[in-house]
Amino acid sequence: MIPFCYVVFTLAVGLAEATSKQPSPAAASLASAARYLTVLSWCTYPFVYMVKSVGLAGPAATMYEQVGYSLADVLAKAVFGVLIWAIAAEKSAVEESGKLMPN
């Protein structure tokens, strides 16, 4: 779990830096939501992995495990993808309005 915790911590810190560099408050809010979603979705995997360690066995344990991984994957991929699209759309709107500051 130590390497896993390091990766999650690094993601949270790295995405915090990305949040602070957004061109608008709306984009920053979306980036912040992406940050929390990333940490949340990554933290679901160890709990799902432990389903079979808490006394569940057989088809029920496998079902809970598969449902848990499926929900985690939807969060980690589909919802995150929508957030990335929304961030890109917000940044494009800011750029088109001419409010982006040149580097």
PDB file of N, CA and C in Angstrom:
ATOM      1  N   MET A   1       0.810  -1.200   0.000  1.00  0.00           N
ATOM      2  CA  MET A   1       0.000   0.000   0.000  1.00  0.00           C
ATOM      3  C   MET A   1       0.857   1.269   0.000  1.00  0.00           C
ATOM      4  N   ILE A   2       2.112   1.170   0.428  1.00  0.00           N
ATOM      5  CA  ILE A   2       2.954   2.366   0.483  1.00  0.00           C
ATOM      6  C   ILE A   2       3.149   2.966  -0.912  1.00  0.00           C
ATOM      7  N   PRO A   3       3.505   2.176  -1.930  1.00  0.00           N
ATOM      8  CA  PRO A   3       3.620   2.774  -3.270  1.00  0.00           C
ATOM      9  C   PRO A   3       2.288   3.350  -3.761  1.00  0.00           C
ATOM     10  N   PHE A   4       1.191   2.672  -3.469  1.00  0.00           N
ATOM     11  CA  PHE A   4      -0.126   3.155  -3.879  1.00  0.00           C
ATOM     12  C   PHE A   4      -0.417   4.507  -3.224  1.00  0.00           C
ATOM     13  N   CYS A   5      -0.161   4.619  -1.932  1.00  0.00           N
ATOM     14  CA  CYS A   5      -0.394   5.885  -1.221  1.00  0.00           C
ATOM     15  C   CYS A   5       0.484   6.993  -1.783  1.00  0.00           C
ATOM     16  N   TYR A   6       1.715   6.657  -2.144  1.00  0.00           N
ATOM     17  CA  TYR A   6       2.613   7.656  -2.730  1.00  0.00           C
ATOM     18  C   TYR A   6       2.046   8.158  -4.058  1.00  0.00           C
ATOM     19  N   VAL A   7       1.550   7.256  -4.890  1.00  0.00           N
ATOM     20  CA  VAL A   7       0.981   7.645  -6.182  1.00  0.00           C
ATOM     21  C   VAL A   7      -0.238   8.542  -5.981  1.00  0.00           C
ATOM     22  N   VAL A   8      -1.126   8.173  -5.076  1.00  0.00           N
ATOM     23  CA  VAL A   8      -2.322   8.984  -4.815  1.00  0.00           C
ATOM     24  C   VAL A   8      -1.925  10.361  -4.283  1.00  0.00           C
ATOM     25  N   PHE A   9      -0.971  10.403  -3.371  1.00  0.00           N
ATOM     26  CA  PHE A   9      -0.502  11.685  -2.843  1.00  0.00           C
ATOM     27  C   PHE A   9       0.100  12.546  -3.955  1.00  0.00           C
ATOM     28  N   THR A  10       0.924  11.937  -4.803  1.00  0.00           N
ATOM     29  CA  THR A  10       1.544  12.665  -5.911  1.00  0.00           C
ATOM     30  C   THR A  10       0.493  13.203  -6.872  1.00  0.00           C
ATOM     31  N   LEU A  11      -0.528  12.404  -7.158  1.00  0.00           N
ATOM     32  CA  LEU A  11      -1.626  12.874  -8.010  1.00  0.00           C
ATOM     33  C   LEU A  11      -2.332  14.067  -7.379  1.00  0.00           C
ATOM     34  N   ALA A  12      -2.625  13.981  -6.107  1.00  0.00           N
ATOM     35  CA  ALA A  12      -3.342  15.060  -5.427  1.00  0.00           C
ATOM     36  C   ALA A  12      -2.518  16.341  -5.434  1.00  0.00           C
ATOM     37  N   VAL A  13      -1.226  16.238  -5.162  1.00  0.00           N
ATOM     38  CA  VAL A  13      -0.365  17.416  -5.144  1.00  0.00           C
ATOM     39  C   VAL A  13      -0.187  17.970  -6.555  1.00  0.00           C
ATOM     40  N   GLY A  14       0.049  17.094  -7.521  1.00  0.00           N
ATOM     41  CA  GLY A  14       0.223  17.540  -8.902  1.00  0.00           C
ATOM     42  C   GLY A  14      -1.018  18.209  -9.456  1.00  0.00           C
ATOM     43  N   LEU A  15      -2.172  17.665  -9.141  1.00  0.00           N
ATOM     44  CA  LEU A  15      -3.413  18.274  -9.619  1.00  0.00           C
ATOM     45  C   LEU A  15      -3.727  19.561  -8.872  1.00  0.00           C
ATOM     46  N   ALA A  16      -3.233  19.709  -7.654  1.00  0.00           N
ATOM     47  CA  ALA A  16      -3.418  20.977  -6.930  1.00  0.00           C
ATOM     48  C   ALA A  16      -2.668  22.086  -7.650  1.00  0.00           C
ATOM     49  N   GLU A  17      -1.481  21.769  -8.125  1.00  0.00           N
ATOM     50  CA  GLU A  17      -0.701  22.750  -8.883  1.00  0.00           C
ATOM     51  C   GLU A  17      -1.412  23.118 -10.182  1.00  0.00           C
ATOM     52  N   ALA A  18      -1.978  22.126 -10.848  1.00  0.00           N
ATOM     53  CA  ALA A  18      -2.715  22.384 -12.087  1.00  0.00           C
ATOM     54  C   ALA A  18      -3.947  23.242 -11.825  1.00  0.00           C
ATOM     55  N   THR A  19      -4.591  23.039 -10.697  1.00  0.00           N
ATOM     56  CA  THR A  19      -5.776  23.822 -10.347  1.00  0.00           C
ATOM     57  C   THR A  19      -5.421  25.296 -10.203  1.00  0.00           C
ATOM     58  N   SER A  20      -4.287  25.578  -9.606  1.00  0.00           N
ATOM     59  CA  SER A  20      -3.900  26.965  -9.377  1.00  0.00           C
ATOM     60  C   SER A  20      -3.513  27.693 -10.660  1.00  0.00           C
ATOM     61  N   LYS A  21      -3.280  26.979 -11.748  1.00  0.00           N
ATOM     62  CA  LYS A  21      -2.853  27.590 -13.011  1.00  0.00           C
ATOM     63  C   LYS A  21      -4.000  27.775 -14.011  1.00  0.00           C
ATOM     64  N   GLN A  22      -5.218  27.550 -13.598  1.00  0.00           N
ATOM     65  CA  GLN A  22      -6.354  27.651 -14.524  1.00  0.00           C
ATOM     66  C   GLN A  22      -6.668  29.118 -14.828  1.00  0.00           C
ATOM     67  N   PRO A  23      -7.151  29.390 -16.058  1.00  0.00           N
ATOM     68  CA  PRO A  23      -7.371  30.773 -16.474  1.00  0.00           C
ATOM     69  C   PRO A  23      -8.647  31.426 -15.929  1.00  0.00           C
ATOM     70  N   SER A  24      -9.542  30.652 -15.342  1.00  0.00           N
ATOM     71  CA  SER A  24     -10.783  31.237 -14.825  1.00  0.00           C
ATOM     72  C   SER A  24     -11.215  30.487 -13.573  1.00  0.00           C
ATOM     73  N   PRO A  25     -12.042  31.110 -12.751  1.00  0.00           N
ATOM     74  CA  PRO A  25     -12.547  30.417 -11.562  1.00  0.00           C
ATOM     75  C   PRO A  25     -13.355  29.164 -11.910  1.00  0.00           C
ATOM     76  N   ALA A  26     -14.106  29.209 -13.015  1.00  0.00           N
ATOM     77  CA  ALA A  26     -14.887  28.033 -13.414  1.00  0.00           C
ATOM     78  C   ALA A  26     -13.960  26.877 -13.788  1.00  0.00           C
ATOM     79  N   ALA A  27     -12.904  27.168 -14.529  1.00  0.00           N
ATOM     80  CA  ALA A  27     -11.939  26.125 -14.905  1.00  0.00           C
ATOM     81  C   ALA A  27     -11.222  25.595 -13.664  1.00  0.00           C
ATOM     82  N   ALA A  28     -10.901  26.490 -12.739  1.00  0.00           N
ATOM     83  CA  ALA A  28     -10.251  26.056 -11.494  1.00  0.00           C
ATOM     84  C   ALA A  28     -11.169  25.156 -10.688  1.00  0.00           C
ATOM     85  N   SER A  29     -12.450  25.491 -10.658  1.00  0.00           N
ATOM     86  CA  SER A  29     -13.417  24.669  -9.940  1.00  0.00           C
ATOM     87  C   SER A  29     -13.541  23.287 -10.570  1.00  0.00           C
ATOM     88  N   LEU A  30     -13.581  23.245 -11.894  1.00  0.00           N
ATOM     89  CA  LEU A  30     -13.657  21.960 -12.598  1.00  0.00           C
ATOM     90  C   LEU A  30     -12.387  21.140 -12.376  1.00  0.00           C
ATOM     91  N   ALA A  31     -11.227  21.798 -12.409  1.00  0.00           N
ATOM     92  CA  ALA A  31      -9.964  21.095 -12.170  1.00  0.00           C
ATOM     93  C   ALA A  31      -9.906  20.566 -10.738  1.00  0.00           C
ATOM     94  N   SER A  32     -10.440  21.333  -9.812  1.00  0.00           N
ATOM     95  CA  SER A  32     -10.496  20.878  -8.428  1.00  0.00           C
ATOM     96  C   SER A  32     -11.402  19.652  -8.295  1.00  0.00           C
ATOM     97  N   ALA A  33     -12.541  19.680  -8.990  1.00  0.00           N
ATOM     98  CA  ALA A  33     -13.439  18.519  -8.977  1.00  0.00           C
ATOM     99  C   ALA A  33     -12.733  17.300  -9.569  1.00  0.00           C
ATOM    100  N   ALA A  34     -11.965  17.506 -10.633  1.00  0.00           N
ATOM    101  CA  ALA A  34     -11.211  16.405 -11.243  1.00  0.00           C
ATOM    102  C   ALA A  34     -10.179  15.855 -10.266  1.00  0.00           C
ATOM    103  N   ARG A  35      -9.579  16.754  -9.507  1.00  0.00           N
ATOM    104  CA  ARG A  35      -8.593  16.334  -8.500  1.00  0.00           C
ATOM    105  C   ARG A  35      -9.238  15.425  -7.457  1.00  0.00           C
ATOM    106  N   TYR A  36     -10.345  15.870  -6.896  1.00  0.00           N
ATOM    107  CA  TYR A  36     -11.008  15.069  -5.864  1.00  0.00           C
ATOM    108  C   TYR A  36     -11.567  13.766  -6.433  1.00  0.00           C
ATOM    109  N   LEU A  37     -12.080  13.817  -7.656  1.00  0.00           N
ATOM    110  CA  LEU A  37     -12.585  12.603  -8.291  1.00  0.00           C
ATOM    111  C   LEU A  37     -11.460  11.598  -8.512  1.00  0.00           C
ATOM    112  N   THR A  38     -10.306  12.081  -8.923  1.00  0.00           N
ATOM    113  CA  THR A  38      -9.159  11.192  -9.136  1.00  0.00           C
ATOM    114  C   THR A  38      -8.761  10.507  -7.841  1.00  0.00           C
ATOM    115  N   VAL A  39      -8.635  11.274  -6.781  1.00  0.00           N
ATOM    116  CA  VAL A  39      -8.251  10.696  -5.491  1.00  0.00           C
ATOM    117  C   VAL A  39      -9.325   9.718  -5.018  1.00  0.00           C
ATOM    118  N   LEU A  40     -10.589  10.114  -5.123  1.00  0.00           N
ATOM    119  CA  LEU A  40     -11.687   9.231  -4.694  1.00  0.00           C
ATOM    120  C   LEU A  40     -11.704   7.936  -5.497  1.00  0.00           C
ATOM    121  N   SER A  41     -11.606   8.051  -6.811  1.00  0.00           N
ATOM    122  CA  SER A  41     -11.682   6.838  -7.633  1.00  0.00           C
ATOM    123  C   SER A  41     -10.486   5.922  -7.388  1.00  0.00           C
ATOM    124  N   TRP A  42      -9.309   6.489  -7.204  1.00  0.00           N
ATOM    125  CA  TRP A  42      -8.141   5.656  -6.924  1.00  0.00           C
ATOM    126  C   TRP A  42      -8.265   4.977  -5.571  1.00  0.00           C
ATOM    127  N   CYS A  43      -8.867   5.646  -4.606  1.00  0.00           N
ATOM    128  CA  CYS A  43      -8.985   5.067  -3.261  1.00  0.00           C
ATOM    129  C   CYS A  43     -10.053   3.988  -3.173  1.00  0.00           C
ATOM    130  N   THR A  44     -10.921   3.886  -4.156  1.00  0.00           N
ATOM    131  CA  THR A  44     -11.923   2.815  -4.125  1.00  0.00           C
ATOM    132  C   THR A  44     -11.307   1.454  -4.433  1.00  0.00           C
ATOM    133  N   TYR A  45     -10.254   1.425  -5.230  1.00  0.00           N
ATOM    134  CA  TYR A  45      -9.684   0.146  -5.656  1.00  0.00           C
ATOM    135  C   TYR A  45      -9.192  -0.722  -4.494  1.00  0.00           C
ATOM    136  N   PRO A  46      -8.461  -0.188  -3.511  1.00  0.00           N
ATOM    137  CA  PRO A  46      -8.028  -1.060  -2.408  1.00  0.00           C
ATOM    138  C   PRO A  46      -9.197  -1.648  -1.628  1.00  0.00           C
ATOM    139  N   PHE A  47     -10.262  -0.856  -1.444  1.00  0.00           N
ATOM    140  CA  PHE A  47     -11.413  -1.367  -0.704  1.00  0.00           C
ATOM    141  C   PHE A  47     -12.116  -2.479  -1.460  1.00  0.00           C
ATOM    142  N   VAL A  48     -12.235  -2.317  -2.770  1.00  0.00           N
ATOM    143  CA  VAL A  48     -12.850  -3.375  -3.577  1.00  0.00           C
ATOM    144  C   VAL A  48     -11.977  -4.627  -3.554  1.00  0.00           C
ATOM    145  N   TYR A  49     -10.674  -4.423  -3.613  1.00  0.00           N
ATOM    146  CA  TYR A  49      -9.748  -5.553  -3.571  1.00  0.00           C
ATOM    147  C   TYR A  49      -9.912  -6.346  -2.279  1.00  0.00           C
ATOM    148  N   MET A  50     -10.238  -5.677  -1.187  1.00  0.00           N
ATOM    149  CA  MET A  50     -10.349  -6.338   0.116  1.00  0.00           C
ATOM    150  C   MET A  50     -11.695  -7.023   0.344  1.00  0.00           C
ATOM    151  N   VAL A  51     -12.614  -6.960  -0.622  1.00  0.00           N
ATOM    152  CA  VAL A  51     -13.941  -7.568  -0.446  1.00  0.00           C
ATOM    153  C   VAL A  51     -13.824  -9.033  -0.024  1.00  0.00           C
ATOM    154  N   LYS A  52     -12.943  -9.769  -0.667  1.00  0.00           N
ATOM    155  CA  LYS A  52     -12.813 -11.198  -0.369  1.00  0.00           C
ATOM    156  C   LYS A  52     -12.061 -11.453   0.934  1.00  0.00           C
ATOM    157  N   SER A  53     -11.492 -10.400   1.523  1.00  0.00           N
ATOM    158  CA  SER A  53     -10.755 -10.555   2.774  1.00  0.00           C
ATOM    159  C   SER A  53     -11.615 -10.338   4.010  1.00  0.00           C
ATOM    160  N   VAL A  54     -12.868  -9.952   3.825  1.00  0.00           N
ATOM    161  CA  VAL A  54     -13.725  -9.649   4.980  1.00  0.00           C
ATOM    162  C   VAL A  54     -14.740 -10.749   5.243  1.00  0.00           C
ATOM    163  N   GLY A  55     -14.485 -11.922   4.724  1.00  0.00           N
ATOM    164  CA  GLY A  55     -15.358 -13.054   5.019  1.00  0.00           C
ATOM    165  C   GLY A  55     -16.317 -13.417   3.902  1.00  0.00           C
ATOM    166  N   LEU A  56     -16.418 -12.600   2.883  1.00  0.00           N
ATOM    167  CA  LEU A  56     -17.275 -12.957   1.753  1.00  0.00           C
ATOM    168  C   LEU A  56     -16.546 -13.968   0.882  1.00  0.00           C
ATOM    169  N   ALA A  57     -17.307 -14.885   0.311  1.00  0.00           N
ATOM    170  CA  ALA A  57     -16.698 -15.889  -0.549  1.00  0.00           C
ATOM    171  C   ALA A  57     -17.692 -16.292  -1.622  1.00  0.00           C
ATOM    172  N   GLY A  58     -17.188 -16.987  -2.610  1.00  0.00           N
ATOM    173  CA  GLY A  58     -18.036 -17.532  -3.656  1.00  0.00           C
ATOM    174  C   GLY A  58     -18.561 -16.479  -4.614  1.00  0.00           C
ATOM    175  N   PRO A  59     -19.702 -16.804  -5.230  1.00  0.00           N
ATOM    176  CA  PRO A  59     -20.258 -15.910  -6.255  1.00  0.00           C
ATOM    177  C   PRO A  59     -20.629 -14.525  -5.713  1.00  0.00           C
ATOM    178  N   ALA A  60     -21.081 -14.439  -4.481  1.00  0.00           N
ATOM    179  CA  ALA A  60     -21.454 -13.132  -3.912  1.00  0.00           C
ATOM    180  C   ALA A  60     -20.235 -12.215  -3.824  1.00  0.00           C
ATOM    181  N   ALA A  61     -19.114 -12.753  -3.364  1.00  0.00           N
ATOM    182  CA  ALA A  61     -17.895 -11.954  -3.254  1.00  0.00           C
ATOM    183  C   ALA A  61     -17.435 -11.486  -4.630  1.00  0.00           C
ATOM    184  N   THR A  62     -17.490 -12.389  -5.592  1.00  0.00           N
ATOM    185  CA  THR A  62     -17.089 -12.038  -6.957  1.00  0.00           C
ATOM    186  C   THR A  62     -18.011 -10.966  -7.531  1.00  0.00           C
ATOM    187  N   MET A  63     -19.300 -11.086  -7.260  1.00  0.00           N
ATOM    188  CA  MET A  63     -20.257 -10.096  -7.747  1.00  0.00           C
ATOM    189  C   MET A  63     -19.951  -8.728  -7.138  1.00  0.00           C
ATOM    190  N   TYR A  64     -19.769  -8.652  -5.809  1.00  0.00           N
ATOM    191  CA  TYR A  64     -19.463  -7.377  -5.164  1.00  0.00           C
ATOM    192  C   TYR A  64     -18.158  -6.786  -5.700  1.00  0.00           C
ATOM    193  N   GLU A  65     -17.195  -7.655  -5.913  1.00  0.00           N
ATOM    194  CA  GLU A  65     -15.913  -7.202  -6.440  1.00  0.00           C
ATOM    195  C   GLU A  65     -16.075  -6.607  -7.845  1.00  0.00           C
ATOM    196  N   GLN A  66     -16.808  -7.304  -8.707  1.00  0.00           N
ATOM    197  CA  GLN A  66     -16.997  -6.822 -10.075  1.00  0.00           C
ATOM    198  C   GLN A  66     -17.815  -5.538 -10.126  1.00  0.00           C
ATOM    199  N   VAL A  67     -18.854  -5.456  -9.297  1.00  0.00           N
ATOM    200  CA  VAL A  67     -19.655  -4.231  -9.233  1.00  0.00           C
ATOM    201  C   VAL A  67     -18.787  -3.077  -8.715  1.00  0.00           C
ATOM    202  N   GLY A  68     -17.991  -3.328  -7.708  1.00  0.00           N
ATOM    203  CA  GLY A  68     -17.119  -2.293  -7.164  1.00  0.00           C
ATOM    204  C   GLY A  68     -16.108  -1.795  -8.180  1.00  0.00           C
ATOM    205  N   TYR A  69     -15.466  -2.731  -8.896  1.00  0.00           N
ATOM    206  CA  TYR A  69     -14.502  -2.332  -9.921  1.00  0.00           C
ATOM    207  C   TYR A  69     -15.192  -1.591 -11.064  1.00  0.00           C
ATOM    208  N   SER A  70     -16.383  -2.020 -11.416  1.00  0.00           N
ATOM    209  CA  SER A  70     -17.115  -1.346 -12.490  1.00  0.00           C
ATOM    210  C   SER A  70     -17.466   0.085 -12.100  1.00  0.00           C
ATOM    211  N   LEU A  71     -17.952   0.280 -10.878  1.00  0.00           N
ATOM    212  CA  LEU A  71     -18.272   1.633 -10.415  1.00  0.00           C
ATOM    213  C   LEU A  71     -17.020   2.496 -10.346  1.00  0.00           C
ATOM    214  N   ALA A  72     -15.931   1.929  -9.849  1.00  0.00           N
ATOM    215  CA  ALA A  72     -14.676   2.676  -9.776  1.00  0.00           C
ATOM    216  C   ALA A  72     -14.194   3.057 -11.175  1.00  0.00           C
ATOM    217  N   ASP A  73     -14.338   2.144 -12.132  1.00  0.00           N
ATOM    218  CA  ASP A  73     -13.918   2.439 -13.500  1.00  0.00           C
ATOM    219  C   ASP A  73     -14.781   3.512 -14.144  1.00  0.00           C
ATOM    220  N   VAL A  74     -16.079   3.495 -13.871  1.00  0.00           N
ATOM    221  CA  VAL A  74     -16.946   4.540 -14.420  1.00  0.00           C
ATOM    222  C   VAL A  74     -16.525   5.894 -13.853  1.00  0.00           C
ATOM    223  N   LEU A  75     -16.269   5.948 -12.554  1.00  0.00           N
ATOM    224  CA  LEU A  75     -15.791   7.198 -11.951  1.00  0.00           C
ATOM    225  C   LEU A  75     -14.454   7.617 -12.545  1.00  0.00           C
ATOM    226  N   ALA A  76     -13.531   6.684 -12.614  1.00  0.00           N
ATOM    227  CA  ALA A  76     -12.165   6.993 -13.019  1.00  0.00           C
ATOM    228  C   ALA A  76     -12.049   7.317 -14.498  1.00  0.00           C
ATOM    229  N   LYS A  77     -12.944   6.821 -15.309  1.00  0.00           N
ATOM    230  CA  LYS A  77     -12.783   7.015 -16.747  1.00  0.00           C
ATOM    231  C   LYS A  77     -13.884   7.874 -17.350  1.00  0.00           C
ATOM    232  N   ALA A  78     -15.115   7.456 -17.237  1.00  0.00           N
ATOM    233  CA  ALA A  78     -16.208   8.180 -17.890  1.00  0.00           C
ATOM    234  C   ALA A  78     -16.439   9.552 -17.264  1.00  0.00           C
ATOM    235  N   VAL A  79     -16.608   9.614 -15.963  1.00  0.00           N
ATOM    236  CA  VAL A  79     -16.881  10.892 -15.308  1.00  0.00           C
ATOM    237  C   VAL A  79     -15.662  11.804 -15.425  1.00  0.00           C
ATOM    238  N   PHE A  80     -14.471  11.253 -15.263  1.00  0.00           N
ATOM    239  CA  PHE A  80     -13.264  12.053 -15.413  1.00  0.00           C
ATOM    240  C   PHE A  80     -13.145  12.594 -16.836  1.00  0.00           C
ATOM    241  N   GLY A  81     -13.502  11.784 -17.814  1.00  0.00           N
ATOM    242  CA  GLY A  81     -13.490  12.241 -19.210  1.00  0.00           C
ATOM    243  C   GLY A  81     -14.425  13.410 -19.447  1.00  0.00           C
ATOM    244  N   VAL A  82     -15.604  13.361 -18.852  1.00  0.00           N
ATOM    245  CA  VAL A  82     -16.552  14.472 -18.972  1.00  0.00           C
ATOM    246  C   VAL A  82     -15.975  15.723 -18.311  1.00  0.00           C
ATOM    247  N   LEU A  83     -15.328  15.567 -17.169  1.00  0.00           N
ATOM    248  CA  LEU A  83     -14.705  16.720 -16.511  1.00  0.00           C
ATOM    249  C   LEU A  83     -13.592  17.318 -17.370  1.00  0.00           C
ATOM    250  N   ILE A  84     -12.793  16.478 -17.983  1.00  0.00           N
ATOM    251  CA  ILE A  84     -11.720  16.969 -18.861  1.00  0.00           C
ATOM    252  C   ILE A  84     -12.321  17.738 -20.031  1.00  0.00           C
ATOM    253  N   TRP A  85     -13.399  17.213 -20.609  1.00  0.00           N
ATOM    254  CA  TRP A  85     -14.088  17.921 -21.698  1.00  0.00           C
ATOM    255  C   TRP A  85     -14.594  19.281 -21.210  1.00  0.00           C
ATOM    256  N   ALA A  86     -15.189  19.326 -20.027  1.00  0.00           N
ATOM    257  CA  ALA A  86     -15.726  20.583 -19.491  1.00  0.00           C
ATOM    258  C   ALA A  86     -14.603  21.592 -19.230  1.00  0.00           C
ATOM    259  N   ILE A  87     -13.460  21.117 -18.738  1.00  0.00           N
ATOM    260  CA  ILE A  87     -12.317  22.006 -18.521  1.00  0.00           C
ATOM    261  C   ILE A  87     -11.841  22.573 -19.854  1.00  0.00           C
ATOM    262  N   ALA A  88     -11.719  21.715 -20.855  1.00  0.00           N
ATOM    263  CA  ALA A  88     -11.285  22.169 -22.179  1.00  0.00           C
ATOM    264  C   ALA A  88     -12.274  23.168 -22.772  1.00  0.00           C
ATOM    265  N   ALA A  89     -13.572  22.908 -22.614  1.00  0.00           N
ATOM    266  CA  ALA A  89     -14.591  23.823 -23.126  1.00  0.00           C
ATOM    267  C   ALA A  89     -14.500  25.176 -22.424  1.00  0.00           C
ATOM    268  N   GLU A  90     -14.296  25.170 -21.119  1.00  0.00           N
ATOM    269  CA  GLU A  90     -14.172  26.427 -20.359  1.00  0.00           C
ATOM    270  C   GLU A  90     -12.929  27.192 -20.785  1.00  0.00           C
ATOM    271  N   LYS A  91     -11.810  26.494 -20.945  1.00  0.00           N
ATOM    272  CA  LYS A  91     -10.582  27.159 -21.381  1.00  0.00           C
ATOM    273  C   LYS A  91     -10.744  27.736 -22.785  1.00  0.00           C
ATOM    274  N   SER A  92     -11.431  27.010 -23.659  1.00  0.00           N
ATOM    275  CA  SER A  92     -11.684  27.512 -25.014  1.00  0.00           C
ATOM    276  C   SER A  92     -12.553  28.762 -24.975  1.00  0.00           C
ATOM    277  N   ALA A  93     -13.555  28.759 -24.117  1.00  0.00           N
ATOM    278  CA  ALA A  93     -14.427  29.929 -23.996  1.00  0.00           C
ATOM    279  C   ALA A  93     -13.640  31.134 -23.495  1.00  0.00           C
ATOM    280  N   VAL A  94     -12.760  30.916 -22.531  1.00  0.00           N
ATOM    281  CA  VAL A  94     -11.933  32.011 -22.010  1.00  0.00           C
ATOM    282  C   VAL A  94     -11.010  32.530 -23.112  1.00  0.00           C
ATOM    283  N   GLU A  95     -10.414  31.614 -23.855  1.00  0.00           N
ATOM    284  CA  GLU A  95      -9.502  32.006 -24.934  1.00  0.00           C
ATOM    285  C   GLU A  95     -10.249  32.780 -26.027  1.00  0.00           C
ATOM    286  N   GLU A  96     -11.429  32.312 -26.388  1.00  0.00           N
ATOM    287  CA  GLU A  96     -12.211  32.983 -27.422  1.00  0.00           C
ATOM    288  C   GLU A  96     -12.687  34.364 -26.985  1.00  0.00           C
ATOM    289  N   SER A  97     -12.899  34.550 -25.693  1.00  0.00           N
ATOM    290  CA  SER A  97     -13.347  35.853 -25.205  1.00  0.00           C
ATOM    291  C   SER A  97     -12.191  36.843 -25.112  1.00  0.00           C
ATOM    292  N   GLY A  98     -10.968  36.381 -25.332  1.00  0.00           N
ATOM    293  CA  GLY A  98      -9.808  37.252 -25.296  1.00  0.00           C
ATOM    294  C   GLY A  98      -9.314  37.578 -23.904  1.00  0.00           C
ATOM    295  N   LYS A  99      -9.766  36.844 -22.911  1.00  0.00           N
ATOM    296  CA  LYS A  99      -9.381  37.135 -21.525  1.00  0.00           C
ATOM    297  C   LYS A  99      -8.120  36.391 -21.087  1.00  0.00           C
ATOM    298  N   LEU A 100      -7.606  35.532 -21.962  1.00  0.00           N
ATOM    299  CA  LEU A 100      -6.392  34.805 -21.608  1.00  0.00           C
ATOM    300  C   LEU A 100      -5.199  35.749 -21.675  1.00  0.00           C
ATOM    301  N   MET A 101      -4.386  35.732 -20.667  1.00  0.00           N
ATOM    302  CA  MET A 101      -3.207  36.596 -20.646  1.00  0.00           C
ATOM    303  C   MET A 101      -2.080  35.912 -21.411  1.00  0.00           C
ATOM    304  N   PRO A 102      -1.364  36.631 -22.259  1.00  0.00           N
ATOM    305  CA  PRO A 102      -0.229  36.022 -22.965  1.00  0.00           C
ATOM    306  C   PRO A 102       0.889  35.682 -21.991  1.00  0.00           C
ATOM    307  N   ASN A 103       1.636  34.619 -22.316  1.00  0.00           N
ATOM    308  CA  ASN A 103       2.744  34.202 -21.441  1.00  0.00           C
ATOM    309  C   ASN A 103       3.903  35.155 -21.528  1.00  0.00           C
TER     310      ASN A 103
END
